Amino acid sequence: DLTPAAAPTLDVLLARIAERATALP
């Protein structure tokens, strides 16, 4: 989820992508 409520800033958006990536092979 990268909607404005979940990712209001670019840094948060990128951090959420990085976090999801670390949980995947």
mmCIF file of all heavy atoms, coordinates in Angstrom:
data_MODEL
# 
_entry.id   MODEL 
# 
loop_
_atom_site.group_PDB 
_atom_site.id 
_atom_site.type_symbol 
_atom_site.label_atom_id 
_atom_site.label_alt_id 
_atom_site.label_comp_id 
_atom_site.label_asym_id 
_atom_site.label_entity_id 
_atom_site.label_seq_id 
_atom_site.pdbx_PDB_ins_code 
_atom_site.Cartn_x 
_atom_site.Cartn_y 
_atom_site.Cartn_z 
_atom_site.occupancy 
_atom_site.B_iso_or_equiv 
_atom_site.pdbx_formal_charge 
_atom_site.auth_seq_id 
_atom_site.auth_comp_id 
_atom_site.auth_asym_id 
_atom_site.auth_atom_id 
_atom_site.pdbx_PDB_model_num 
ATOM 1   N N   . ASP A 1 1  ? 0.846  -1.201  0.000  1.00 0.00 ? 1  ASP A N   1 
ATOM 2   C CA  . ASP A 1 1  ? 0.000  0.000   0.000  1.00 0.00 ? 1  ASP A CA  1 
ATOM 3   C C   . ASP A 1 1  ? 0.879  1.248   0.000  1.00 0.00 ? 1  ASP A C   1 
ATOM 4   O O   . ASP A 1 1  ? 1.611  1.512   0.949  1.00 0.00 ? 1  ASP A O   1 
ATOM 5   C CB  . ASP A 1 1  ? -0.895 -0.020  1.244  1.00 0.00 ? 1  ASP A CB  1 
ATOM 6   C CG  . ASP A 1 1  ? -1.810 1.188   1.338  1.00 0.00 ? 1  ASP A CG  1 
ATOM 7   O OD1 . ASP A 1 1  ? -1.873 1.967   0.359  1.00 0.00 ? 1  ASP A OD1 1 
ATOM 8   O OD2 . ASP A 1 1  ? -2.454 1.353   2.390  1.00 0.00 ? 1  ASP A OD2 1 
ATOM 9   N N   . LEU A 1 2  ? 0.783  2.033   -1.080 1.00 0.00 ? 2  LEU A N   1 
ATOM 10  C CA  . LEU A 1 2  ? 1.520  3.294   -1.161 1.00 0.00 ? 2  LEU A CA  1 
ATOM 11  C C   . LEU A 1 2  ? 0.577  4.472   -1.344 1.00 0.00 ? 2  LEU A C   1 
ATOM 12  O O   . LEU A 1 2  ? 0.952  5.504   -1.914 1.00 0.00 ? 2  LEU A O   1 
ATOM 13  C CB  . LEU A 1 2  ? 2.533  3.244   -2.322 1.00 0.00 ? 2  LEU A CB  1 
ATOM 14  C CG  . LEU A 1 2  ? 3.668  2.223   -2.192 1.00 0.00 ? 2  LEU A CG  1 
ATOM 15  C CD1 . LEU A 1 2  ? 4.611  2.319   -3.385 1.00 0.00 ? 2  LEU A CD1 1 
ATOM 16  C CD2 . LEU A 1 2  ? 4.436  2.399   -0.891 1.00 0.00 ? 2  LEU A CD2 1 
ATOM 17  N N   . THR A 1 3  ? -0.653 4.339   -0.875 1.00 0.00 ? 3  THR A N   1 
ATOM 18  C CA  . THR A 1 3  ? -1.591 5.450   -0.933 1.00 0.00 ? 3  THR A CA  1 
ATOM 19  C C   . THR A 1 3  ? -1.073 6.611   -0.076 1.00 0.00 ? 3  THR A C   1 
ATOM 20  O O   . THR A 1 3  ? -0.220 6.409   0.796  1.00 0.00 ? 3  THR A O   1 
ATOM 21  C CB  . THR A 1 3  ? -2.973 5.013   -0.435 1.00 0.00 ? 3  THR A CB  1 
ATOM 22  O OG1 . THR A 1 3  ? -2.836 4.466   0.891  1.00 0.00 ? 3  THR A OG1 1 
ATOM 23  C CG2 . THR A 1 3  ? -3.585 3.962   -1.357 1.00 0.00 ? 3  THR A CG2 1 
ATOM 24  N N   . PRO A 1 4  ? -1.574 7.830   -0.291 1.00 0.00 ? 4  PRO A N   1 
ATOM 25  C CA  . PRO A 1 4  ? -1.080 8.969   0.474  1.00 0.00 ? 4  PRO A CA  1 
ATOM 26  C C   . PRO A 1 4  ? -1.165 8.785   1.986  1.00 0.00 ? 4  PRO A C   1 
ATOM 27  O O   . PRO A 1 4  ? -0.293 9.267   2.723  1.00 0.00 ? 4  PRO A O   1 
ATOM 28  C CB  . PRO A 1 4  ? -1.975 10.115  -0.005 1.00 0.00 ? 4  PRO A CB  1 
ATOM 29  C CG  . PRO A 1 4  ? -2.314 9.746   -1.413 1.00 0.00 ? 4  PRO A CG  1 
ATOM 30  C CD  . PRO A 1 4  ? -2.473 8.254   -1.386 1.00 0.00 ? 4  PRO A CD  1 
ATOM 31  N N   . ALA A 1 5  ? -2.170 8.059   2.460  1.00 0.00 ? 5  ALA A N   1 
ATOM 32  C CA  . ALA A 1 5  ? -2.272 7.839   3.903  1.00 0.00 ? 5  ALA A CA  1 
ATOM 33  C C   . ALA A 1 5  ? -1.144 6.956   4.413  1.00 0.00 ? 5  ALA A C   1 
ATOM 34  O O   . ALA A 1 5  ? -0.636 7.144   5.525  1.00 0.00 ? 5  ALA A O   1 
ATOM 35  C CB  . ALA A 1 5  ? -3.623 7.208   4.233  1.00 0.00 ? 5  ALA A CB  1 
ATOM 36  N N   . ALA A 1 6  ? -0.733 5.984   3.606  1.00 0.00 ? 6  ALA A N   1 
ATOM 37  C CA  . ALA A 1 6  ? 0.317  5.050   4.021  1.00 0.00 ? 6  ALA A CA  1 
ATOM 38  C C   . ALA A 1 6  ? 1.714  5.563   3.710  1.00 0.00 ? 6  ALA A C   1 
ATOM 39  O O   . ALA A 1 6  ? 2.672  5.240   4.413  1.00 0.00 ? 6  ALA A O   1 
ATOM 40  C CB  . ALA A 1 6  ? 0.104  3.703   3.336  1.00 0.00 ? 6  ALA A CB  1 
ATOM 41  N N   . ALA A 1 7  ? 1.848  6.359   2.646  1.00 0.00 ? 7  ALA A N   1 
ATOM 42  C CA  . ALA A 1 7  ? 3.157  6.867   2.213  1.00 0.00 ? 7  ALA A CA  1 
ATOM 43  C C   . ALA A 1 7  ? 3.037  8.329   1.802  1.00 0.00 ? 7  ALA A C   1 
ATOM 44  O O   . ALA A 1 7  ? 3.010  8.654   0.617  1.00 0.00 ? 7  ALA A O   1 
ATOM 45  C CB  . ALA A 1 7  ? 3.691  6.022   1.056  1.00 0.00 ? 7  ALA A CB  1 
ATOM 46  N N   . PRO A 1 8  ? 2.968  9.241   2.776  1.00 0.00 ? 8  PRO A N   1 
ATOM 47  C CA  . PRO A 1 8  ? 2.752  10.658  2.457  1.00 0.00 ? 8  PRO A CA  1 
ATOM 48  C C   . PRO A 1 8  ? 3.982  11.365  1.889  1.00 0.00 ? 8  PRO A C   1 
ATOM 49  O O   . PRO A 1 8  ? 3.856  12.424  1.298  1.00 0.00 ? 8  PRO A O   1 
ATOM 50  C CB  . PRO A 1 8  ? 2.366  11.252  3.811  1.00 0.00 ? 8  PRO A CB  1 
ATOM 51  C CG  . PRO A 1 8  ? 3.010  10.362  4.818  1.00 0.00 ? 8  PRO A CG  1 
ATOM 52  C CD  . PRO A 1 8  ? 2.966  8.985   4.224  1.00 0.00 ? 8  PRO A CD  1 
ATOM 53  N N   . THR A 1 9  ? 5.162  10.775  2.068  1.00 0.00 ? 9  THR A N   1 
ATOM 54  C CA  . THR A 1 9  ? 6.387  11.395  1.567  1.00 0.00 ? 9  THR A CA  1 
ATOM 55  C C   . THR A 1 9  ? 7.143  10.403  0.700  1.00 0.00 ? 9  THR A C   1 
ATOM 56  O O   . THR A 1 9  ? 6.946  9.179   0.802  1.00 0.00 ? 9  THR A O   1 
ATOM 57  C CB  . THR A 1 9  ? 7.307  11.843  2.721  1.00 0.00 ? 9  THR A CB  1 
ATOM 58  O OG1 . THR A 1 9  ? 7.838  10.674  3.377  1.00 0.00 ? 9  THR A OG1 1 
ATOM 59  C CG2 . THR A 1 9  ? 6.556  12.706  3.725  1.00 0.00 ? 9  THR A CG2 1 
ATOM 60  N N   . LEU A 1 10 ? 8.035  10.926  -0.129 1.00 0.00 ? 10 LEU A N   1 
ATOM 61  C CA  . LEU A 1 10 ? 8.836  10.056  -0.977 1.00 0.00 ? 10 LEU A CA  1 
ATOM 62  C C   . LEU A 1 10 ? 9.723  9.153   -0.134 1.00 0.00 ? 10 LEU A C   1 
ATOM 63  O O   . LEU A 1 10 ? 9.893  7.965   -0.441 1.00 0.00 ? 10 LEU A O   1 
ATOM 64  C CB  . LEU A 1 10 ? 9.682  10.895  -1.939 1.00 0.00 ? 10 LEU A CB  1 
ATOM 65  C CG  . LEU A 1 10 ? 10.588 10.101  -2.883 1.00 0.00 ? 10 LEU A CG  1 
ATOM 66  C CD1 . LEU A 1 10 ? 9.775  9.191   -3.792 1.00 0.00 ? 10 LEU A CD1 1 
ATOM 67  C CD2 . LEU A 1 10 ? 11.463 11.050  -3.713 1.00 0.00 ? 10 LEU A CD2 1 
ATOM 68  N N   . ASP A 1 11 ? 10.302 9.680   0.938  1.00 0.00 ? 11 ASP A N   1 
ATOM 69  C CA  . ASP A 1 11 ? 11.164 8.859   1.788  1.00 0.00 ? 11 ASP A CA  1 
ATOM 70  C C   . ASP A 1 11 ? 10.399 7.682   2.391  1.00 0.00 ? 11 ASP A C   1 
ATOM 71  O O   . ASP A 1 11 ? 10.915 6.557   2.452  1.00 0.00 ? 11 ASP A O   1 
ATOM 72  C CB  . ASP A 1 11 ? 11.775 9.719   2.903  1.00 0.00 ? 11 ASP A CB  1 
ATOM 73  C CG  . ASP A 1 11 ? 12.886 10.625  2.401  1.00 0.00 ? 11 ASP A CG  1 
ATOM 74  O OD1 . ASP A 1 11 ? 13.373 10.384  1.271  1.00 0.00 ? 11 ASP A OD1 1 
ATOM 75  O OD2 . ASP A 1 11 ? 13.250 11.577  3.125  1.00 0.00 ? 11 ASP A OD2 1 
ATOM 76  N N   . VAL A 1 12 ? 9.177  7.937   2.850  1.00 0.00 ? 12 VAL A N   1 
ATOM 77  C CA  . VAL A 1 12 ? 8.372  6.851   3.412  1.00 0.00 ? 12 VAL A CA  1 
ATOM 78  C C   . VAL A 1 12 ? 8.031  5.844   2.326  1.00 0.00 ? 12 VAL A C   1 
ATOM 79  O O   . VAL A 1 12 ? 8.083  4.621   2.546  1.00 0.00 ? 12 VAL A O   1 
ATOM 80  C CB  . VAL A 1 12 ? 7.094  7.413   4.068  1.00 0.00 ? 12 VAL A CB  1 
ATOM 81  C CG1 . VAL A 1 12 ? 6.161  6.281   4.470  1.00 0.00 ? 12 VAL A CG1 1 
ATOM 82  C CG2 . VAL A 1 12 ? 7.450  8.259   5.276  1.00 0.00 ? 12 VAL A CG2 1 
ATOM 83  N N   . LEU A 1 13 ? 7.681  6.328   1.144  1.00 0.00 ? 13 LEU A N   1 
ATOM 84  C CA  . LEU A 1 13 ? 7.351  5.439   0.023  1.00 0.00 ? 13 LEU A CA  1 
ATOM 85  C C   . LEU A 1 13 ? 8.526  4.509   -0.278 1.00 0.00 ? 13 LEU A C   1 
ATOM 86  O O   . LEU A 1 13 ? 8.360  3.287   -0.405 1.00 0.00 ? 13 LEU A O   1 
ATOM 87  C CB  . LEU A 1 13 ? 6.988  6.285   -1.197 1.00 0.00 ? 13 LEU A CB  1 
ATOM 88  C CG  . LEU A 1 13 ? 6.596  5.571   -2.489 1.00 0.00 ? 13 LEU A CG  1 
ATOM 89  C CD1 . LEU A 1 13 ? 5.580  6.413   -3.266 1.00 0.00 ? 13 LEU A CD1 1 
ATOM 90  C CD2 . LEU A 1 13 ? 7.810  5.316   -3.382 1.00 0.00 ? 13 LEU A CD2 1 
ATOM 91  N N   . LEU A 1 14 ? 9.720  5.081   -0.377 1.00 0.00 ? 14 LEU A N   1 
ATOM 92  C CA  . LEU A 1 14 ? 10.902 4.272   -0.687 1.00 0.00 ? 14 LEU A CA  1 
ATOM 93  C C   . LEU A 1 14 ? 11.236 3.313   0.454  1.00 0.00 ? 14 LEU A C   1 
ATOM 94  O O   . LEU A 1 14 ? 11.656 2.174   0.223  1.00 0.00 ? 14 LEU A O   1 
ATOM 95  C CB  . LEU A 1 14 ? 12.084 5.186   -0.994 1.00 0.00 ? 14 LEU A CB  1 
ATOM 96  C CG  . LEU A 1 14 ? 11.924 6.066   -2.244 1.00 0.00 ? 14 LEU A CG  1 
ATOM 97  C CD1 . LEU A 1 14 ? 13.062 7.073   -2.341 1.00 0.00 ? 14 LEU A CD1 1 
ATOM 98  C CD2 . LEU A 1 14 ? 11.855 5.209   -3.505 1.00 0.00 ? 14 LEU A CD2 1 
ATOM 99  N N   . ALA A 1 15 ? 11.039 3.772   1.687  1.00 0.00 ? 15 ALA A N   1 
ATOM 100 C CA  . ALA A 1 15 ? 11.312 2.909   2.842  1.00 0.00 ? 15 ALA A CA  1 
ATOM 101 C C   . ALA A 1 15 ? 10.370 1.708   2.864  1.00 0.00 ? 15 ALA A C   1 
ATOM 102 O O   . ALA A 1 15 ? 10.772 0.587   3.217  1.00 0.00 ? 15 ALA A O   1 
ATOM 103 C CB  . ALA A 1 15 ? 11.198 3.713   4.131  1.00 0.00 ? 15 ALA A CB  1 
ATOM 104 N N   . ARG A 1 16 ? 9.107  1.924   2.496  1.00 0.00 ? 16 ARG A N   1 
ATOM 105 C CA  . ARG A 1 16 ? 8.143  0.814   2.483  1.00 0.00 ? 16 ARG A CA  1 
ATOM 106 C C   . ARG A 1 16 ? 8.505  -0.197  1.389  1.00 0.00 ? 16 ARG A C   1 
ATOM 107 O O   . ARG A 1 16 ? 8.356  -1.410  1.576  1.00 0.00 ? 16 ARG A O   1 
ATOM 108 C CB  . ARG A 1 16 ? 6.727  1.349   2.287  1.00 0.00 ? 16 ARG A CB  1 
ATOM 109 C CG  . ARG A 1 16 ? 6.185  2.058   3.516  1.00 0.00 ? 16 ARG A CG  1 
ATOM 110 C CD  . ARG A 1 16 ? 4.775  2.615   3.289  1.00 0.00 ? 16 ARG A CD  1 
ATOM 111 N NE  . ARG A 1 16 ? 3.781  1.571   3.071  1.00 0.00 ? 16 ARG A NE  1 
ATOM 112 C CZ  . ARG A 1 16 ? 3.178  0.880   4.031  1.00 0.00 ? 16 ARG A CZ  1 
ATOM 113 N NH1 . ARG A 1 16 ? 3.500  1.085   5.300  1.00 0.00 ? 16 ARG A NH1 1 
ATOM 114 N NH2 . ARG A 1 16 ? 2.261  -0.024  3.733  1.00 0.00 ? 16 ARG A NH2 1 
ATOM 115 N N   . ILE A 1 17 ? 8.985  0.302   0.252  1.00 0.00 ? 17 ILE A N   1 
ATOM 116 C CA  . ILE A 1 17 ? 9.424  -0.607  -0.810 1.00 0.00 ? 17 ILE A CA  1 
ATOM 117 C C   . ILE A 1 17 ? 10.627 -1.419  -0.342 1.00 0.00 ? 17 ILE A C   1 
ATOM 118 O O   . ILE A 1 17 ? 10.701 -2.639  -0.530 1.00 0.00 ? 17 ILE A O   1 
ATOM 119 C CB  . ILE A 1 17 ? 9.758  0.182   -2.089 1.00 0.00 ? 17 ILE A CB  1 
ATOM 120 C CG1 . ILE A 1 17 ? 8.471  0.755   -2.703 1.00 0.00 ? 17 ILE A CG1 1 
ATOM 121 C CG2 . ILE A 1 17 ? 10.488 -0.698  -3.104 1.00 0.00 ? 17 ILE A CG2 1 
ATOM 122 C CD1 . ILE A 1 17 ? 8.709  1.701   -3.863 1.00 0.00 ? 17 ILE A CD1 1 
ATOM 123 N N   . ALA A 1 18 ? 11.595 -0.739  0.290  1.00 0.00 ? 18 ALA A N   1 
ATOM 124 C CA  . ALA A 1 18 ? 12.788 -1.427  0.787  1.00 0.00 ? 18 ALA A CA  1 
ATOM 125 C C   . ALA A 1 18 ? 12.428 -2.480  1.835  1.00 0.00 ? 18 ALA A C   1 
ATOM 126 O O   . ALA A 1 18 ? 12.973 -3.595  1.843  1.00 0.00 ? 18 ALA A O   1 
ATOM 127 C CB  . ALA A 1 18 ? 13.771 -0.410  1.368  1.00 0.00 ? 18 ALA A CB  1 
ATOM 128 N N   . GLU A 1 19 ? 11.497 -2.129  2.712  1.00 0.00 ? 19 GLU A N   1 
ATOM 129 C CA  . GLU A 1 19 ? 11.075 -3.067  3.755  1.00 0.00 ? 19 GLU A CA  1 
ATOM 130 C C   . GLU A 1 19 ? 10.430 -4.307  3.152  1.00 0.00 ? 19 GLU A C   1 
ATOM 131 O O   . GLU A 1 19 ? 10.705 -5.438  3.576  1.00 0.00 ? 19 GLU A O   1 
ATOM 132 C CB  . GLU A 1 19 ? 10.112 -2.364  4.714  1.00 0.00 ? 19 GLU A CB  1 
ATOM 133 C CG  . GLU A 1 19 ? 9.613  -3.247  5.845  1.00 0.00 ? 19 GLU A CG  1 
ATOM 134 C CD  . GLU A 1 19 ? 8.612  -2.525  6.728  1.00 0.00 ? 19 GLU A CD  1 
ATOM 135 O OE1 . GLU A 1 19 ? 8.056  -1.488  6.302  1.00 0.00 ? 19 GLU A OE1 1 
ATOM 136 O OE2 . GLU A 1 19 ? 8.376  -3.005  7.852  1.00 0.00 ? 19 GLU A OE2 1 
ATOM 137 N N   . ARG A 1 20 ? 9.555  -4.108  2.155  1.00 0.00 ? 20 ARG A N   1 
ATOM 138 C CA  . ARG A 1 20 ? 8.909  -5.252  1.507  1.00 0.00 ? 20 ARG A CA  1 
ATOM 139 C C   . ARG A 1 20 ? 9.961  -6.112  0.794  1.00 0.00 ? 20 ARG A C   1 
ATOM 140 O O   . ARG A 1 20 ? 9.890  -7.347  0.837  1.00 0.00 ? 20 ARG A O   1 
ATOM 141 C CB  . ARG A 1 20 ? 7.838  -4.759  0.524  1.00 0.00 ? 20 ARG A CB  1 
ATOM 142 C CG  . ARG A 1 20 ? 7.158  -5.846  -0.300 1.00 0.00 ? 20 ARG A CG  1 
ATOM 143 C CD  . ARG A 1 20 ? 6.449  -6.894  0.547  1.00 0.00 ? 20 ARG A CD  1 
ATOM 144 N NE  . ARG A 1 20 ? 5.351  -6.356  1.315  1.00 0.00 ? 20 ARG A NE  1 
ATOM 145 C CZ  . ARG A 1 20 ? 4.082  -6.336  0.908  1.00 0.00 ? 20 ARG A CZ  1 
ATOM 146 N NH1 . ARG A 1 20 ? 3.761  -6.838  -0.286 1.00 0.00 ? 20 ARG A NH1 1 
ATOM 147 N NH2 . ARG A 1 20 ? 3.137  -5.844  1.679  1.00 0.00 ? 20 ARG A NH2 1 
ATOM 148 N N   . ALA A 1 21 ? 10.935 -5.469  0.150  1.00 0.00 ? 21 ALA A N   1 
ATOM 149 C CA  . ALA A 1 21 ? 11.956 -6.220  -0.579 1.00 0.00 ? 21 ALA A CA  1 
ATOM 150 C C   . ALA A 1 21 ? 12.772 -7.121  0.341  1.00 0.00 ? 21 ALA A C   1 
ATOM 151 O O   . ALA A 1 21 ? 13.101 -8.257  -0.018 1.00 0.00 ? 21 ALA A O   1 
ATOM 152 C CB  . ALA A 1 21 ? 12.871 -5.257  -1.335 1.00 0.00 ? 21 ALA A CB  1 
ATOM 153 N N   . THR A 1 22 ? 13.081 -6.624  1.533  1.00 0.00 ? 22 THR A N   1 
ATOM 154 C CA  . THR A 1 22 ? 13.893 -7.426  2.464  1.00 0.00 ? 22 THR A CA  1 
ATOM 155 C C   . THR A 1 22 ? 13.161 -8.684  2.922  1.00 0.00 ? 22 THR A C   1 
ATOM 156 O O   . THR A 1 22 ? 13.793 -9.646  3.360  1.00 0.00 ? 22 THR A O   1 
ATOM 157 C CB  . THR A 1 22 ? 14.296 -6.597  3.697  1.00 0.00 ? 22 THR A CB  1 
ATOM 158 O OG1 . THR A 1 22 ? 13.118 -6.155  4.380  1.00 0.00 ? 22 THR A OG1 1 
ATOM 159 C CG2 . THR A 1 22 ? 15.143 -5.398  3.303  1.00 0.00 ? 22 THR A CG2 1 
ATOM 160 N N   . ALA A 1 23 ? 11.830 -8.676  2.820  1.00 0.00 ? 23 ALA A N   1 
ATOM 161 C CA  . ALA A 1 23 ? 11.045 -9.838  3.239  1.00 0.00 ? 23 ALA A CA  1 
ATOM 162 C C   . ALA A 1 23 ? 10.860 -10.852 2.122  1.00 0.00 ? 23 ALA A C   1 
ATOM 163 O O   . ALA A 1 23 ? 10.249 -11.904 2.335  1.00 0.00 ? 23 ALA A O   1 
ATOM 164 C CB  . ALA A 1 23 ? 9.679  -9.382  3.752  1.00 0.00 ? 23 ALA A CB  1 
ATOM 165 N N   . LEU A 1 24 ? 11.383 -10.530 0.924  1.00 0.00 ? 24 LEU A N   1 
ATOM 166 C CA  . LEU A 1 24 ? 11.217 -11.397 -0.238 1.00 0.00 ? 24 LEU A CA  1 
ATOM 167 C C   . LEU A 1 24 ? 12.581 -11.880 -0.727 1.00 0.00 ? 24 LEU A C   1 
ATOM 168 O O   . LEU A 1 24 ? 13.588 -11.184 -0.567 1.00 0.00 ? 24 LEU A O   1 
ATOM 169 C CB  . LEU A 1 24 ? 10.501 -10.637 -1.366 1.00 0.00 ? 24 LEU A CB  1 
ATOM 170 C CG  . LEU A 1 24 ? 9.085  -10.149 -1.082 1.00 0.00 ? 24 LEU A CG  1 
ATOM 171 C CD1 . LEU A 1 24 ? 8.610  -9.222  -2.199 1.00 0.00 ? 24 LEU A CD1 1 
ATOM 172 C CD2 . LEU A 1 24 ? 8.130  -11.329 -0.937 1.00 0.00 ? 24 LEU A CD2 1 
ATOM 173 N N   . PRO A 1 25 ? 12.638 -13.040 -1.353 1.00 0.00 ? 25 PRO A N   1 
ATOM 174 C CA  . PRO A 1 25 ? 13.916 -13.508 -1.915 1.00 0.00 ? 25 PRO A CA  1 
ATOM 175 C C   . PRO A 1 25 ? 14.384 -12.623 -3.062 1.00 0.00 ? 25 PRO A C   1 
ATOM 176 O O   . PRO A 1 25 ? 13.570 -11.980 -3.733 1.00 0.00 ? 25 PRO A O   1 
ATOM 177 C CB  . PRO A 1 25 ? 13.590 -14.927 -2.388 1.00 0.00 ? 25 PRO A CB  1 
ATOM 178 C CG  . PRO A 1 25 ? 12.105 -14.941 -2.588 1.00 0.00 ? 25 PRO A CG  1 
ATOM 179 C CD  . PRO A 1 25 ? 11.552 -14.010 -1.563 1.00 0.00 ? 25 PRO A CD  1 
# 
